[in-house]
Amino acid sequence: MGDWVNIYTARNILDANFIKGRLESEDIPAMLKYEVAGQLYGITVDGLSEVQIFVPRELQQEAIEIIDQLKQGQEEL
């Protein structure tokens, strides 16, 4: 597989895992990147609780479309 690209930054690990699961259900591999301190201590200052979601570059557009569909169905994601 080629390069991985950041397609979305979730507010917290719960949102990120939800999105990751949805992407994987569509056969799109996804990786999460986050600060351990933010998750361990629940710190939300300066983006420490944010989680970046990465997918393979060749699946980027399909993944973004899925996230857009999720965002249309929910107030906050």
Protein backbone atom coordinates (compact mmCIF):
# COMPACT_ATOMS: atom_id res chain seq x y z
CA MET A 1 0.00 0.00 0.00
CA GLY A 2 1.19 3.52 -0.75
CA ASP A 3 1.13 6.71 1.27
CA TRP A 4 -1.41 7.36 4.02
CA VAL A 5 -3.14 10.73 4.27
CA ASN A 6 -4.99 12.51 7.06
CA ILE A 7 -8.64 12.81 6.03
CA TYR A 8 -10.30 13.92 9.25
CA THR A 9 -9.58 15.08 12.79
CA ALA A 10 -12.08 13.80 15.32
CA ARG A 11 -12.77 15.56 18.63
CA ASN A 12 -12.06 12.46 20.71
CA ILE A 13 -11.19 8.77 20.58
CA LEU A 14 -14.84 7.66 20.68
CA ASP A 15 -15.74 9.62 17.55
CA ALA A 16 -12.53 8.48 15.86
CA ASN A 17 -13.20 4.80 16.58
CA PHE A 18 -16.76 5.16 15.28
CA ILE A 19 -15.50 6.64 12.01
CA LYS A 20 -12.68 4.09 11.76
CA GLY A 21 -15.17 1.26 12.18
CA ARG A 22 -17.44 2.70 9.50
CA LEU A 23 -14.54 3.06 7.06
CA GLU A 24 -13.34 -0.47 7.74
CA SER A 25 -16.86 -1.81 7.17
CA GLU A 26 -16.48 -0.40 3.63
CA ASP A 27 -13.09 -2.14 3.22
CA ILE A 28 -11.13 1.08 3.74
CA PRO A 29 -8.23 0.52 6.16
CA ALA A 30 -7.82 3.34 8.66
CA MET A 31 -5.23 4.32 11.26
CA LEU A 32 -5.62 6.64 14.22
CA LYS A 33 -2.96 9.04 15.49
CA TYR A 34 -3.31 10.83 18.82
CA GLU A 35 -1.47 12.16 21.83
CA VAL A 36 -1.38 9.51 24.54
CA ALA A 37 -1.49 12.11 27.33
CA GLY A 38 -4.76 13.52 26.06
CA GLN A 39 -6.38 10.09 26.00
CA LEU A 40 -4.83 8.88 29.24
CA TYR A 41 -5.71 11.91 31.34
CA GLY A 42 -8.74 13.16 29.41
CA ILE A 43 -7.03 16.45 28.64
CA THR A 44 -8.84 18.54 26.06
CA VAL A 45 -6.63 21.64 26.06
CA ASP A 46 -4.81 22.64 22.86
CA GLY A 47 -6.24 19.75 20.86
CA LEU A 48 -4.78 17.01 23.04
CA SER A 49 -7.97 14.98 22.83
CA GLU A 50 -8.13 15.24 19.04
CA VAL A 51 -7.53 12.13 16.96
CA GLN A 52 -6.33 12.20 13.36
CA ILE A 53 -7.72 9.58 10.99
CA PHE A 54 -5.51 8.36 8.14
CA VAL A 55 -6.38 6.23 5.11
CA PRO A 56 -4.40 5.08 2.07
CA ARG A 57 -4.06 7.90 -0.45
CA GLU A 58 -5.75 5.87 -3.19
CA LEU A 59 -8.90 5.52 -1.02
CA GLN A 60 -8.93 9.14 0.18
CA GLN A 61 -11.87 10.36 -1.90
CA GLU A 62 -14.08 7.37 -1.05
CA ALA A 63 -13.30 7.80 2.66
CA ILE A 64 -14.12 11.52 2.58
CA GLU A 65 -17.46 10.76 0.93
CA ILE A 66 -18.31 8.29 3.71
CA ILE A 67 -17.40 10.83 6.39
CA ASP A 68 -19.51 13.47 4.62
CA GLN A 69 -22.47 11.07 4.68
CA LEU A 70 -21.93 10.51 8.41
CA LYS A 71 -21.77 14.26 9.03
CA GLN A 72 -25.06 14.80 7.20
CA GLY A 73 -26.76 12.28 9.48
CA GLN A 74 -25.43 13.70 12.75
CA GLU A 75 -25.36 17.13 14.35
CA GLU A 76 -21.81 16.72 15.61
CA LEU A 77 -19.15 14.28 14.58
